Amino acid sequence: RFNLIEGVYSHHPKLSGRYDLKVFLRMSEGDQHARVLARSGPALYRRFVNEWIPMENRYFSVMQIAENSDLILEM
């Protein structure tokens, strides 16, 4: 059986102990911004850039998500 759990907070310590393999996907800031703009449009783009992305980056740093991953994929 294979279960794939994805999402920004899927590596949270309350969940990650249940996984056999933890993969972290890292991409350049430019690619991230382009994907957000394409997915969410210009109306929400600024909110992502000013609010969500900084919160995600703090979460990744404080929780040491990359350091606690078994595999890091670079895009």
N, C-alpha and C. Protein backbone atom coordinates (compact mmCIF):
# COMPACT_ATOMS: atom_id res chain seq x y z
N ARG A 1 0.84 -1.17 0.00
CA ARG A 1 0.00 0.00 0.00
C ARG A 1 0.89 1.24 0.00
N PHE A 2 0.48 2.24 -0.77
CA PHE A 2 1.25 3.47 -0.92
C PHE A 2 0.33 4.65 -0.69
N ASN A 3 0.66 5.48 0.26
CA ASN A 3 -0.09 6.71 0.51
C ASN A 3 0.84 7.89 0.32
N LEU A 4 0.38 8.88 -0.43
CA LEU A 4 1.16 10.09 -0.65
C LEU A 4 0.44 11.23 0.05
N ILE A 5 1.12 11.86 0.98
CA ILE A 5 0.57 13.00 1.70
C ILE A 5 1.37 14.22 1.27
N GLU A 6 0.70 15.24 0.75
CA GLU A 6 1.42 16.41 0.28
C GLU A 6 0.82 17.66 0.89
N GLY A 7 1.61 18.69 0.85
CA GLY A 7 1.16 19.98 1.35
C GLY A 7 2.24 20.62 2.21
N VAL A 8 2.15 21.91 2.34
CA VAL A 8 3.17 22.66 3.08
C VAL A 8 3.34 22.13 4.49
N TYR A 9 2.26 21.83 5.16
CA TYR A 9 2.36 21.43 6.57
C TYR A 9 2.33 19.92 6.77
N SER A 10 2.52 19.15 5.73
CA SER A 10 2.49 17.69 5.84
C SER A 10 3.70 17.13 6.59
N HIS A 11 4.75 17.92 6.77
CA HIS A 11 5.93 17.48 7.52
C HIS A 11 5.89 17.91 8.98
N HIS A 12 4.77 18.42 9.41
CA HIS A 12 4.67 18.86 10.80
C HIS A 12 5.04 17.70 11.73
N PRO A 13 5.77 17.96 12.81
CA PRO A 13 6.20 16.89 13.71
C PRO A 13 5.07 16.01 14.24
N LYS A 14 3.87 16.54 14.36
CA LYS A 14 2.76 15.72 14.84
C LYS A 14 2.35 14.67 13.82
N LEU A 15 2.74 14.87 12.56
CA LEU A 15 2.39 13.92 11.49
C LEU A 15 3.59 13.13 10.98
N SER A 16 4.73 13.76 10.91
CA SER A 16 5.86 13.19 10.17
C SER A 16 6.40 11.89 10.75
N GLY A 17 6.18 11.63 12.01
CA GLY A 17 6.63 10.38 12.59
C GLY A 17 5.92 9.16 12.05
N ARG A 18 4.83 9.37 11.35
CA ARG A 18 4.04 8.27 10.78
C ARG A 18 4.49 7.88 9.38
N TYR A 19 5.41 8.63 8.80
CA TYR A 19 5.80 8.41 7.42
C TYR A 19 7.05 7.55 7.32
N ASP A 20 7.12 6.76 6.26
CA ASP A 20 8.32 5.97 5.97
C ASP A 20 9.36 6.78 5.21
N LEU A 21 8.90 7.76 4.44
CA LEU A 21 9.79 8.58 3.63
C LEU A 21 9.25 10.00 3.59
N LYS A 22 10.11 10.97 3.87
CA LYS A 22 9.72 12.38 3.82
C LYS A 22 10.51 13.07 2.72
N VAL A 23 9.79 13.65 1.76
CA VAL A 23 10.41 14.32 0.62
C VAL A 23 10.07 15.80 0.68
N PHE A 24 11.07 16.63 0.52
CA PHE A 24 10.90 18.08 0.51
C PHE A 24 11.21 18.59 -0.89
N LEU A 25 10.29 19.34 -1.47
CA LEU A 25 10.46 19.90 -2.81
C LEU A 25 10.84 21.37 -2.66
N ARG A 26 12.00 21.72 -3.20
CA ARG A 26 12.48 23.10 -3.11
C ARG A 26 12.55 23.68 -4.52
N MET A 27 12.12 24.93 -4.66
CA MET A 27 12.20 25.59 -5.96
C MET A 27 12.70 27.02 -5.77
N SER A 28 13.14 27.60 -6.85
CA SER A 28 13.65 28.97 -6.77
C SER A 28 12.50 29.92 -6.46
N GLU A 29 12.85 31.05 -5.89
CA GLU A 29 11.85 32.07 -5.57
C GLU A 29 11.12 32.52 -6.83
N GLY A 30 11.86 32.68 -7.92
CA GLY A 30 11.24 33.11 -9.18
C GLY A 30 10.22 32.11 -9.68
N ASP A 31 10.56 30.82 -9.64
CA ASP A 31 9.62 29.78 -10.06
C ASP A 31 8.41 29.74 -9.14
N GLN A 32 8.65 29.87 -7.84
CA GLN A 32 7.54 29.86 -6.89
C GLN A 32 6.57 31.01 -7.18
N HIS A 33 7.11 32.20 -7.40
CA HIS A 33 6.25 33.36 -7.68
C HIS A 33 5.49 33.18 -8.98
N ALA A 34 6.14 32.65 -10.00
CA ALA A 34 5.47 32.43 -11.29
C ALA A 34 4.33 31.43 -11.14
N ARG A 35 4.55 30.36 -10.36
CA ARG A 35 3.50 29.36 -10.16
C ARG A 35 2.33 29.94 -9.37
N VAL A 36 2.62 30.73 -8.34
CA VAL A 36 1.56 31.36 -7.55
C VAL A 36 0.74 32.30 -8.43
N LEU A 37 1.41 33.10 -9.22
CA LEU A 37 0.71 34.04 -10.10
C LEU A 37 -0.16 33.29 -11.11
N ALA A 38 0.35 32.24 -11.71
CA ALA A 38 -0.42 31.46 -12.68
C ALA A 38 -1.62 30.76 -12.03
N ARG A 39 -1.43 30.26 -10.81
CA ARG A 39 -2.48 29.52 -10.13
C ARG A 39 -3.53 30.45 -9.52
N SER A 40 -3.11 31.55 -8.93
CA SER A 40 -4.01 32.37 -8.13
C SER A 40 -4.41 33.68 -8.78
N GLY A 41 -3.67 34.09 -9.80
CA GLY A 41 -3.97 35.34 -10.47
C GLY A 41 -3.41 36.53 -9.72
N PRO A 42 -3.43 37.69 -10.39
CA PRO A 42 -2.81 38.88 -9.81
C PRO A 42 -3.49 39.37 -8.53
N ALA A 43 -4.79 39.13 -8.40
CA ALA A 43 -5.51 39.62 -7.22
C ALA A 43 -4.98 39.01 -5.93
N LEU A 44 -4.66 37.73 -5.94
CA LEU A 44 -4.17 37.07 -4.73
C LEU A 44 -2.65 36.99 -4.67
N TYR A 45 -1.99 37.30 -5.76
CA TYR A 45 -0.53 37.17 -5.82
C TYR A 45 0.16 37.96 -4.70
N ARG A 46 -0.22 39.21 -4.53
CA ARG A 46 0.44 40.05 -3.51
C ARG A 46 0.24 39.49 -2.11
N ARG A 47 -0.93 38.94 -1.85
CA ARG A 47 -1.16 38.35 -0.53
C ARG A 47 -0.23 37.16 -0.30
N PHE A 48 -0.08 36.32 -1.31
CA PHE A 48 0.84 35.19 -1.19
C PHE A 48 2.27 35.68 -0.93
N VAL A 49 2.70 36.66 -1.70
CA VAL A 49 4.07 37.16 -1.58
C VAL A 49 4.30 37.83 -0.23
N ASN A 50 3.32 38.60 0.23
CA ASN A 50 3.50 39.37 1.47
C ASN A 50 3.12 38.61 2.73
N GLU A 51 2.29 37.59 2.60
CA GLU A 51 1.78 36.92 3.80
C GLU A 51 2.14 35.43 3.84
N TRP A 52 1.66 34.67 2.87
CA TRP A 52 1.78 33.21 2.93
C TRP A 52 3.20 32.71 2.74
N ILE A 53 3.90 33.22 1.76
CA ILE A 53 5.26 32.74 1.50
C ILE A 53 6.19 33.03 2.68
N PRO A 54 6.16 34.23 3.25
CA PRO A 54 7.00 34.45 4.45
C PRO A 54 6.64 33.52 5.61
N MET A 55 5.35 33.24 5.80
CA MET A 55 4.95 32.31 6.88
C MET A 55 5.47 30.91 6.59
N GLU A 56 5.37 30.46 5.34
CA GLU A 56 5.89 29.15 4.97
C GLU A 56 7.40 29.08 5.20
N ASN A 57 8.10 30.11 4.81
CA ASN A 57 9.56 30.12 4.97
C ASN A 57 9.95 30.07 6.45
N ARG A 58 9.22 30.79 7.30
CA ARG A 58 9.49 30.72 8.74
C ARG A 58 9.23 29.32 9.27
N TYR A 59 8.12 28.72 8.84
CA TYR A 59 7.78 27.35 9.24
C TYR A 59 8.89 26.38 8.82
N PHE A 60 9.33 26.47 7.57
CA PHE A 60 10.39 25.58 7.09
C PHE A 60 11.65 25.73 7.93
N SER A 61 11.98 26.96 8.29
CA SER A 61 13.19 27.22 9.07
C SER A 61 13.06 26.76 10.51
N VAL A 62 12.01 27.19 11.18
CA VAL A 62 11.82 26.87 12.60
C VAL A 62 11.67 25.37 12.81
N MET A 63 10.92 24.71 11.95
CA MET A 63 10.66 23.28 12.10
C MET A 63 11.74 22.43 11.43
N GLN A 64 12.71 23.07 10.80
CA GLN A 64 13.83 22.38 10.13
C GLN A 64 13.32 21.29 9.17
N ILE A 65 12.40 21.70 8.32
CA ILE A 65 11.74 20.75 7.42
C ILE A 65 12.75 20.09 6.47
N ALA A 66 13.57 20.87 5.80
CA ALA A 66 14.54 20.27 4.87
C ALA A 66 15.51 19.35 5.60
N GLU A 67 15.99 19.80 6.76
CA GLU A 67 16.96 19.02 7.52
C GLU A 67 16.38 17.69 8.01
N ASN A 68 15.08 17.64 8.23
CA ASN A 68 14.43 16.43 8.72
C ASN A 68 13.82 15.58 7.61
N SER A 69 14.07 15.96 6.36
CA SER A 69 13.55 15.20 5.22
C SER A 69 14.55 14.11 4.82
N ASP A 70 14.02 13.03 4.28
CA ASP A 70 14.87 11.94 3.79
C ASP A 70 15.44 12.25 2.42
N LEU A 71 14.71 13.06 1.66
CA LEU A 71 15.09 13.37 0.29
C LEU A 71 14.67 14.80 -0.01
N ILE A 72 15.54 15.56 -0.65
CA ILE A 72 15.23 16.93 -1.08
C ILE A 72 15.31 16.96 -2.59
N LEU A 73 14.22 17.37 -3.24
CA LEU A 73 14.19 17.52 -4.69
C LEU A 73 14.27 19.00 -5.01
N GLU A 74 15.17 19.36 -5.91
CA GLU A 74 15.35 20.75 -6.33
C GLU A 74 14.70 20.94 -7.69
N MET A 75 13.89 21.96 -7.81
CA MET A 75 13.27 22.27 -9.10
C MET A 75 13.95 23.48 -9.70
